Amino acid sequence: MTASTPAGASAARHSQGGATSAASAQAADVAQSGSARDRYLDLLRAVALLRVVVYHSFGWAWLALVFPSMGVMFALAGSLMARSLQRPVLGVIRSRLRRLLLPLWLYGLVVLGALFSRGWHPGKGEELWWWLKILCWVVPVGTPPFPWHIGSPDGLLDGSWAEQAAGPLWYLRAYFWFVLLSPLLWRMFRRSPWVTLLAPLPLTAAVGTGLVEIPGATGEAIKDFAVYGSCWILGFAHHRGLLRRVPSYIALSLAPASMALGLWWASGHLGEDGWDLNEIPLAQALWSFGFCVLLLFVSPTWRELPKPLMRFDRPITLANNRAVTIYLWHEAAIIAGVPLVDLLWEIPGVWPTYSGLLESSSSVLVFLITWPLVGLLIVGVGWTEDIAAKRRPRLWPDTARGAAAPRAGNRLTASGCGIQ
């Protein structure tokens, strides 16, 4: 695993006089209630998840520019983490990690079970180190191991399916370390907010450009921490109201400047995938940071979605209540969708009459079939998020708990990495 803005937001917070007071009062009301969620943030999280699935379905590199999902998810997670740190630290960390680890364990059980059944085993003389690395499927302190190729060429699944299944795990590893380090980062942020907020960017310039080489999984973990560190701490700034105190002309100038600098750097370091910022760490850090600054700077406080968006209330609620499930299992749905689409070739008359059409539309067909499969996975394994959050399990939580109708102002308790 790897990495769109609602309109009408700026007036709610940055207009003068009575409008500013009204926005502040609304924000304070939500904060004091403790029972309402900010539906603007919920919308951003749902869009981020949708973009991740689209990216992994089609591989369009330009999507990283249109909406840098991973940066947005880390920024939202940082904001929620800052809110949680008002409570005892050890309890917060224990709760966050429990919500991360239980869904990971079930996912790992399925993926590792499939790999072992296919004959994956350690090489001769590597048994001890191999089994130690397998523990990263239990506690993601590092990148969990997987075979780059498994199965036969004429098998049901593509030989690289294990690499695809392990793709989302880098985010869980990064989230794990962000959670563990958040008490320290929070303390640093409260003492020197601007220094702490911006420090990951020069760190990315060092470790993400080859200036400083850190080999192996340790280097990858440090690089991810640097690339998305400013986004995570930006969530702290959003929670503390730091962005509200920044004059509009500064935020609306420096954020695009950061994005422009990221584009400039990317233009000179394009790889095989072109403008895919996931392969250009410094460009990813600068673009994601500037993009998230704009999203959170104009952030309104929505107790419920605006009228034009109310039709999406239930899907947005479901996505937030099952964000870990969707993120973790969507690759499995895509993997399973490929052989299902291949069954269309068995329909009499398809070959050769419609073979060209079927080949050209295969990615679209896989994308379309992925969503029913994701729905089945939400029903089948999504309940682990409720267990991890110590809630009564629900199969399809597309409404607020205990609500008769999808009222956005009611409490929507999402769980897991990047969510409350």
Protein backbone atom coordinates (compact mmCIF):
# COMPACT_ATOMS: atom_id res chain seq x y z
CA MET A 1 0.00 0.00 0.00
CA THR A 2 1.82 2.46 -1.98
CA ALA A 3 -1.03 7.10 -1.57
CA SER A 4 -10.84 16.78 -4.42
CA THR A 5 -12.04 19.38 -2.28
CA PRO A 6 -15.63 20.14 -1.21
CA ALA A 7 -16.68 23.63 -2.19
CA GLY A 8 -17.91 26.47 -0.04
CA ALA A 9 -15.57 25.83 2.88
CA SER A 10 -13.50 28.99 3.21
CA ALA A 11 -16.36 31.30 4.12
CA ALA A 12 -17.27 29.14 7.10
CA ARG A 13 -13.98 29.81 8.79
CA HIS A 14 -12.09 32.71 7.29
CA SER A 15 -14.65 35.42 6.65
CA GLN A 16 -14.57 38.43 8.93
CA GLY A 17 -16.76 39.50 11.83
CA GLY A 18 -19.87 37.48 12.58
CA ALA A 19 -19.04 34.68 10.15
CA THR A 20 -15.78 33.96 11.98
CA SER A 21 -17.55 33.95 15.33
CA ALA A 22 -20.23 31.62 14.03
CA ALA A 23 -17.66 29.16 12.68
CA SER A 24 -15.72 29.22 15.95
CA ALA A 25 -18.85 28.68 17.96
CA GLN A 26 -19.85 25.74 15.77
CA ALA A 27 -16.42 24.15 16.10
CA ALA A 28 -16.46 24.62 19.86
CA ASP A 29 -19.92 23.11 20.06
CA VAL A 30 -18.77 19.99 18.22
CA ALA A 31 -15.64 19.71 20.35
CA GLN A 32 -17.56 20.04 23.60
CA SER A 33 -20.25 17.59 22.62
CA GLY A 34 -17.76 14.75 22.12
CA SER A 35 -20.56 12.79 20.49
CA ALA A 36 -20.56 14.25 16.99
CA ARG A 37 -18.16 13.63 14.15
CA ASP A 38 -16.99 16.16 11.62
CA ARG A 39 -18.62 14.98 8.42
CA TYR A 40 -16.19 16.99 6.30
CA LEU A 41 -13.36 14.82 7.61
CA ASP A 42 -15.50 11.73 7.09
CA LEU A 43 -16.05 12.79 3.48
CA LEU A 44 -12.31 13.23 2.93
CA ARG A 45 -11.63 9.77 4.36
CA ALA A 46 -14.27 8.16 2.11
CA VAL A 47 -12.87 9.92 -0.98
CA ALA A 48 -9.35 8.82 -0.01
CA LEU A 49 -10.45 5.18 0.21
CA LEU A 50 -12.26 5.40 -3.12
CA ARG A 51 -9.18 6.86 -4.76
CA VAL A 52 -7.00 4.06 -3.35
CA VAL A 53 -9.26 1.39 -4.85
CA VAL A 54 -9.38 3.19 -8.22
CA TYR A 55 -5.59 3.55 -8.25
CA HIS A 56 -5.00 -0.13 -7.53
CA SER A 57 -7.60 -1.12 -10.11
CA PHE A 58 -6.32 0.97 -13.01
CA GLY A 59 -2.81 2.06 -11.99
CA TRP A 60 -3.33 5.63 -13.20
CA ALA A 61 -0.26 7.54 -12.01
CA TRP A 62 -1.94 10.94 -12.25
CA LEU A 63 -4.34 10.05 -9.44
CA ALA A 64 -1.55 10.82 -6.96
CA LEU A 65 -1.78 14.42 -8.16
CA VAL A 66 -5.56 14.66 -8.25
CA PHE A 67 -5.98 13.45 -4.67
CA PRO A 68 -2.98 12.28 -2.57
CA SER A 69 -4.95 9.76 -0.54
CA MET A 70 -2.19 8.53 1.73
CA GLY A 71 -1.19 12.03 2.82
CA VAL A 72 -4.84 12.84 3.50
CA MET A 73 -5.33 9.65 5.53
CA PHE A 74 -2.25 10.36 7.64
CA ALA A 75 -3.38 13.95 8.24
CA LEU A 76 -6.83 12.79 9.36
CA ALA A 77 -5.27 10.13 11.56
CA GLY A 78 -2.97 12.72 13.13
CA SER A 79 -5.92 14.97 13.94
CA LEU A 80 -7.81 12.14 15.62
CA MET A 81 -4.69 11.03 17.45
CA ALA A 82 -4.19 14.54 18.82
CA ARG A 83 -7.75 14.53 20.11
CA SER A 84 -7.21 11.16 21.76
CA LEU A 85 -4.03 12.31 23.51
CA GLN A 86 -6.15 14.39 25.83
CA ARG A 87 -6.68 11.06 27.61
CA PRO A 88 -4.03 8.92 29.40
CA VAL A 89 -1.31 8.09 26.88
CA LEU A 90 -0.88 4.37 27.53
CA GLY A 91 -4.60 3.76 27.22
CA VAL A 92 -4.72 5.67 23.94
CA ILE A 93 -1.81 3.74 22.43
CA ARG A 94 -3.24 0.42 23.59
CA SER A 95 -6.63 1.26 22.07
CA ARG A 96 -5.18 2.44 18.76
CA LEU A 97 -2.94 -0.58 18.36
CA ARG A 98 -5.73 -2.97 19.26
CA ARG A 99 -7.86 -1.45 16.49
CA LEU A 100 -4.97 -1.88 14.09
CA LEU A 101 -3.75 -5.34 15.08
CA LEU A 102 -6.94 -7.41 15.30
CA PRO A 103 -7.95 -6.76 11.65
CA LEU A 104 -4.32 -7.30 10.60
CA TRP A 105 -4.19 -10.66 12.37
CA LEU A 106 -7.25 -11.94 10.55
CA TYR A 107 -5.89 -10.69 7.23
CA GLY A 108 -2.51 -12.25 7.94
CA LEU A 109 -4.14 -15.54 8.90
CA VAL A 110 -5.86 -15.74 5.52
CA VAL A 111 -2.91 -14.55 3.40
CA LEU A 112 -0.27 -16.62 5.22
CA GLY A 113 -2.55 -19.64 5.16
CA ALA A 114 -2.83 -19.31 1.38
CA LEU A 115 0.94 -18.84 1.01
CA PHE A 116 1.82 -21.82 3.20
CA SER A 117 -0.67 -24.00 1.36
CA ARG A 118 1.11 -23.05 -1.87
CA GLY A 119 4.41 -24.30 -0.48
CA TRP A 120 6.03 -21.07 0.66
CA HIS A 121 8.79 -21.88 3.13
CA PRO A 122 12.17 -20.53 4.24
CA GLY A 123 15.31 -21.27 2.30
CA LYS A 124 17.90 -23.61 3.74
CA GLY A 125 19.83 -21.96 6.55
CA GLU A 126 17.40 -19.00 6.76
CA GLU A 127 14.81 -20.59 9.01
CA LEU A 128 15.40 -18.55 12.17
CA TRP A 129 15.57 -15.15 10.47
CA TRP A 130 12.62 -16.04 8.21
CA TRP A 131 10.36 -16.90 11.15
CA LEU A 132 11.43 -13.75 12.99
CA LYS A 133 10.40 -11.69 9.96
CA ILE A 134 7.08 -13.54 9.83
CA LEU A 135 6.31 -11.95 13.21
CA CYS A 136 5.90 -8.65 11.34
CA TRP A 137 2.54 -10.07 10.25
CA VAL A 138 1.67 -10.08 13.96
CA VAL A 139 3.27 -6.80 15.06
CA PRO A 140 4.15 -4.61 12.04
CA VAL A 141 7.41 -3.15 13.33
CA GLY A 142 8.83 -3.83 9.86
CA THR A 143 7.65 -4.86 6.42
CA PRO A 144 6.01 -8.32 6.55
CA PRO A 145 7.77 -10.77 4.21
CA PHE A 146 6.11 -12.31 1.17
CA PRO A 147 7.25 -14.17 -1.96
CA TRP A 148 7.61 -12.05 -5.07
CA HIS A 149 6.27 -14.91 -7.15
CA ILE A 150 4.29 -17.99 -6.17
CA GLY A 151 2.19 -20.51 -8.04
CA SER A 152 2.38 -21.77 -11.61
CA PRO A 153 2.02 -19.73 -14.82
CA ASP A 154 -1.23 -21.47 -15.69
CA GLY A 155 -2.66 -21.16 -12.18
CA LEU A 156 -5.94 -19.53 -11.24
CA LEU A 157 -4.18 -16.44 -9.87
CA ASP A 158 -1.36 -14.36 -11.29
CA GLY A 159 2.02 -15.36 -9.87
CA SER A 160 2.51 -11.92 -8.27
CA TRP A 161 -0.68 -12.06 -6.21
CA ALA A 162 1.25 -12.25 -2.92
CA GLU A 163 3.04 -8.99 -3.66
CA GLN A 164 -0.32 -7.41 -4.44
CA ALA A 165 -1.89 -8.77 -1.25
CA ALA A 166 0.96 -7.39 0.84
CA GLY A 167 0.76 -3.98 -0.83
CA PRO A 168 -1.43 -2.25 1.79
CA LEU A 169 0.75 -3.36 4.70
CA TRP A 170 3.29 -0.54 4.42
CA TYR A 171 0.60 1.88 5.59
CA LEU A 172 -0.13 -0.22 8.66
CA ARG A 173 3.58 -0.34 9.46
CA ALA A 174 3.87 3.43 9.14
CA TYR A 175 0.71 3.98 11.18
CA PHE A 176 2.03 1.65 13.88
CA TRP A 177 5.16 3.76 14.32
CA PHE A 178 3.29 7.06 14.12
CA VAL A 179 1.05 5.90 16.97
CA LEU A 180 3.99 4.80 19.11
CA LEU A 181 5.84 8.06 18.53
CA SER A 182 2.83 10.35 18.80
CA PRO A 183 3.23 11.18 22.51
CA LEU A 184 6.77 12.39 21.79
CA LEU A 185 5.72 14.19 18.61
CA TRP A 186 2.81 15.80 20.47
CA ARG A 187 5.12 17.07 23.18
CA MET A 188 7.52 18.46 20.58
CA PHE A 189 4.67 20.04 18.66
CA ARG A 190 3.30 21.84 21.71
CA ARG A 191 6.74 23.30 22.44
CA SER A 192 7.77 24.19 18.87
CA PRO A 193 4.79 23.73 16.56
CA TRP A 194 6.21 25.15 13.32
CA VAL A 195 9.60 23.48 13.64
CA THR A 196 8.00 20.12 14.40
CA LEU A 197 5.49 20.52 11.57
CA LEU A 198 8.08 21.30 8.90
CA ALA A 199 11.01 19.15 10.10
CA PRO A 200 9.99 15.99 8.17
CA LEU A 201 10.32 17.83 4.84
CA PRO A 202 14.11 18.40 5.02
CA LEU A 203 14.40 14.89 6.45
CA THR A 204 12.67 13.63 3.29
CA ALA A 205 15.09 15.68 1.21
CA ALA A 206 17.90 13.75 2.87
CA VAL A 207 16.60 10.17 2.93
CA GLY A 208 14.24 10.36 -0.05
CA THR A 209 16.68 11.62 -2.65
CA GLY A 210 19.66 9.34 -2.08
CA LEU A 211 21.62 12.00 -0.24
CA VAL A 212 21.55 9.72 2.82
CA GLU A 213 21.29 5.99 2.15
CA ILE A 214 19.68 3.78 4.80
CA PRO A 215 19.48 0.23 3.44
CA GLY A 216 16.81 -2.39 3.87
CA ALA A 217 13.47 -2.31 5.63
CA THR A 218 14.75 0.22 8.17
CA GLY A 219 15.42 2.69 5.38
CA GLU A 220 11.95 2.15 3.92
CA ALA A 221 10.31 2.73 7.31
CA ILE A 222 12.29 5.93 7.93
CA LYS A 223 11.52 7.15 4.42
CA ASP A 224 7.77 6.61 4.88
CA PHE A 225 7.92 8.34 8.26
CA ALA A 226 9.68 11.33 6.70
CA VAL A 227 7.42 11.56 3.63
CA TYR A 228 4.18 11.58 5.62
CA GLY A 229 5.43 12.99 8.92
CA SER A 230 4.39 16.56 8.11
CA CYS A 231 0.92 15.36 7.11
CA TRP A 232 0.53 13.51 10.43
CA ILE A 233 1.68 16.53 12.44
CA LEU A 234 -0.52 18.76 10.27
CA GLY A 235 -3.37 16.80 11.83
CA PHE A 236 -2.08 17.97 15.22
CA ALA A 237 -2.14 21.56 13.94
CA HIS A 238 -5.70 21.11 12.67
CA HIS A 239 -6.87 19.80 16.03
CA ARG A 240 -5.14 22.58 17.96
CA GLY A 241 -6.60 25.27 15.71
CA LEU A 242 -3.15 26.40 14.60
CA LEU A 243 -4.25 26.73 10.99
CA ARG A 244 -7.04 29.12 11.98
CA ARG A 245 -4.45 31.56 13.25
CA VAL A 246 -2.55 31.63 9.97
CA PRO A 247 -3.54 34.58 7.72
CA SER A 248 -5.33 33.40 4.61
CA TYR A 249 -2.87 34.98 2.21
CA ILE A 250 0.02 33.06 3.81
CA ALA A 251 -1.65 29.64 3.77
CA LEU A 252 -3.06 30.14 0.27
CA SER A 253 0.38 31.15 -0.99
CA LEU A 254 2.74 28.75 0.77
CA ALA A 255 0.64 25.61 0.25
CA PRO A 256 0.57 25.98 -3.56
CA ALA A 257 4.26 26.88 -3.42
CA SER A 258 4.99 23.58 -1.70
CA MET A 259 2.94 21.74 -4.31
CA ALA A 260 4.68 23.57 -7.15
CA LEU A 261 8.07 22.70 -5.69
CA GLY A 262 6.98 19.06 -5.54
CA LEU A 263 5.94 19.14 -9.19
CA TRP A 264 9.22 20.75 -10.18
CA TRP A 265 11.19 18.05 -8.37
CA ALA A 266 9.03 15.29 -9.86
CA SER A 267 9.50 16.64 -13.39
CA GLY A 268 13.22 15.98 -13.15
CA HIS A 269 12.94 12.57 -11.50
CA LEU A 270 10.25 10.75 -13.44
CA GLY A 271 10.55 6.97 -13.35
CA GLU A 272 9.01 4.15 -15.33
CA ASP A 273 5.56 5.07 -14.01
CA GLY A 274 5.83 8.71 -15.04
CA TRP A 275 4.11 11.11 -12.66
CA ASP A 276 3.42 8.51 -10.00
CA LEU A 277 4.52 10.42 -6.89
CA ASN A 278 4.62 7.18 -4.91
CA GLU A 279 7.96 6.57 -6.61
CA ILE A 280 9.32 10.10 -5.96
CA PRO A 281 9.46 10.58 -2.15
CA LEU A 282 10.36 14.28 -1.97
CA ALA A 283 7.74 15.23 -4.55
CA GLN A 284 5.17 13.12 -2.69
CA ALA A 285 6.00 14.83 0.62
CA LEU A 286 5.80 18.37 -0.78
CA TRP A 287 2.67 17.80 -2.87
CA SER A 288 0.80 15.90 -0.13
CA PHE A 289 1.70 18.47 2.52
CA GLY A 290 0.56 21.44 0.44
CA PHE A 291 -2.61 19.63 -0.65
CA CYS A 292 -3.51 18.71 2.95
CA VAL A 293 -2.81 22.27 4.15
CA LEU A 294 -5.43 23.52 1.68
CA LEU A 295 -7.96 20.83 2.64
CA LEU A 296 -7.62 21.46 6.38
CA PHE A 297 -7.25 25.24 6.11
CA VAL A 298 -10.63 25.58 4.41
CA SER A 299 -12.08 22.84 6.62
CA PRO A 300 -15.65 23.59 7.66
CA THR A 301 -17.27 21.88 10.62
CA TRP A 302 -20.11 19.78 9.30
CA ARG A 303 -22.48 18.12 11.72
CA GLU A 304 -24.18 16.71 8.66
CA LEU A 305 -23.41 16.65 4.99
CA PRO A 306 -24.63 19.51 2.77
CA LYS A 307 -27.83 18.77 0.89
CA PRO A 308 -26.17 17.90 -2.45
CA LEU A 309 -24.10 15.26 -0.67
CA MET A 310 -26.80 13.78 1.56
CA ARG A 311 -27.48 11.03 -0.98
CA PHE A 312 -24.01 9.71 -0.16
CA ASP A 313 -24.55 9.76 3.60
CA ARG A 314 -24.89 6.00 4.01
CA PRO A 315 -21.89 5.06 1.82
CA ILE A 316 -19.74 7.64 3.60
CA THR A 317 -20.84 6.34 6.99
CA LEU A 318 -20.14 2.76 5.92
CA ALA A 319 -16.71 3.68 4.56
CA ASN A 320 -15.75 5.36 7.83
CA ASN A 321 -17.03 2.52 9.99
CA ARG A 322 -15.21 -0.06 7.84
CA ALA A 323 -12.20 1.93 6.63
CA VAL A 324 -9.64 -0.64 7.80
CA THR A 325 -11.56 -3.47 6.18
CA ILE A 326 -11.90 -1.63 2.88
CA TYR A 327 -8.27 -0.55 2.81
CA LEU A 328 -6.84 -3.89 3.92
CA TRP A 329 -9.02 -6.23 1.89
CA HIS A 330 -9.70 -4.32 -1.33
CA GLU A 331 -6.56 -5.79 -2.92
CA ALA A 332 -7.86 -9.28 -2.17
CA ALA A 333 -11.12 -8.32 -3.88
CA ILE A 334 -9.21 -7.09 -6.95
CA ILE A 335 -7.14 -10.29 -7.00
CA ALA A 336 -10.31 -12.41 -6.84
CA GLY A 337 -12.01 -10.26 -9.47
CA VAL A 338 -9.51 -11.13 -12.19
CA PRO A 339 -10.34 -14.86 -12.50
CA LEU A 340 -14.06 -14.02 -12.21
CA VAL A 341 -13.82 -11.70 -15.19
CA ASP A 342 -11.82 -14.38 -17.02
CA LEU A 343 -14.89 -16.63 -16.78
CA LEU A 344 -16.54 -14.38 -19.36
CA TRP A 345 -14.27 -15.96 -21.97
CA GLU A 346 -16.10 -19.24 -21.36
CA ILE A 347 -19.42 -17.82 -22.53
CA PRO A 348 -20.27 -19.23 -25.98
CA GLY A 349 -19.87 -16.64 -28.72
CA VAL A 350 -17.55 -14.30 -26.81
CA TRP A 351 -14.50 -15.62 -28.65
CA PRO A 352 -13.63 -14.28 -31.12
CA THR A 353 -16.55 -11.90 -31.71
CA TYR A 354 -16.17 -9.83 -28.56
CA SER A 355 -12.61 -10.68 -27.61
CA GLY A 356 -11.29 -7.19 -28.40
CA LEU A 357 -14.00 -5.51 -26.35
CA LEU A 358 -13.42 -7.86 -23.43
CA GLU A 359 -9.67 -7.27 -23.45
CA SER A 360 -10.00 -3.48 -23.62
CA SER A 361 -12.58 -3.33 -20.83
CA SER A 362 -11.07 -5.93 -18.49
CA SER A 363 -9.82 -3.35 -15.96
CA VAL A 364 -13.24 -1.69 -15.84
CA LEU A 365 -14.93 -5.05 -15.34
CA VAL A 366 -12.55 -5.99 -12.54
CA PHE A 367 -13.19 -2.61 -10.90
CA LEU A 368 -16.95 -3.09 -11.10
CA ILE A 369 -16.84 -6.60 -9.66
CA THR A 370 -14.45 -5.49 -6.91
CA TRP A 371 -17.17 -3.55 -5.09
CA PRO A 372 -19.62 -6.45 -4.60
CA LEU A 373 -16.65 -8.48 -3.35
CA VAL A 374 -15.68 -5.67 -0.97
CA GLY A 375 -19.29 -5.68 0.24
CA LEU A 376 -19.07 -9.42 0.96
CA LEU A 377 -15.80 -8.86 2.82
CA ILE A 378 -17.36 -6.08 4.90
CA VAL A 379 -20.05 -8.53 5.97
CA GLY A 380 -17.63 -11.43 6.39
CA VAL A 381 -14.70 -9.83 8.22
CA GLY A 382 -15.62 -6.22 8.95
CA TRP A 383 -16.96 -7.14 12.38
CA THR A 384 -13.35 -7.40 13.59
CA GLU A 385 -13.27 -3.61 13.65
CA ASP A 386 -16.16 -3.61 16.11
CA ILE A 387 -14.52 -6.27 18.27
CA ALA A 388 -11.26 -4.30 18.25
CA ALA A 389 -13.14 -1.17 19.31
CA LYS A 390 -15.07 -3.11 21.99
CA ARG A 391 -18.41 -2.50 20.32
CA ARG A 392 -21.28 -4.80 19.53
CA PRO A 393 -20.56 -6.20 16.04
CA ARG A 394 -22.68 -5.03 13.12
CA LEU A 395 -22.65 -6.55 9.64
CA TRP A 396 -23.44 -3.42 7.63
CA PRO A 397 -22.89 -0.25 9.70
CA ASP A 398 -24.07 2.38 7.23
CA THR A 399 -25.98 4.34 9.87
CA ALA A 400 -25.04 5.81 13.21
CA ARG A 401 -25.26 3.25 16.01
CA GLY A 402 -28.78 3.19 17.36
CA ALA A 403 -30.06 5.63 14.73
CA ALA A 404 -33.32 5.01 12.95
CA ALA A 405 -32.19 7.07 9.96
CA PRO A 406 -28.83 8.11 8.59
CA ARG A 407 -28.49 11.29 10.61
CA ALA A 408 -25.00 12.64 10.13
CA GLY A 409 -25.08 14.50 13.41
CA ASN A 410 -25.24 11.30 15.43
CA ARG A 411 -22.12 9.56 16.63
CA LEU A 412 -20.32 7.60 13.94
CA THR A 413 -17.59 5.57 15.55
CA ALA A 414 -15.02 4.41 13.05
CA SER A 415 -12.02 2.39 14.01
CA GLY A 416 -8.57 1.44 12.92
CA CYS A 417 -5.68 3.04 11.12
CA GLY A 418 -6.45 6.57 10.19
CA ILE A 419 -9.80 6.55 11.89
CA GLN A 420 -11.09 7.27 15.32
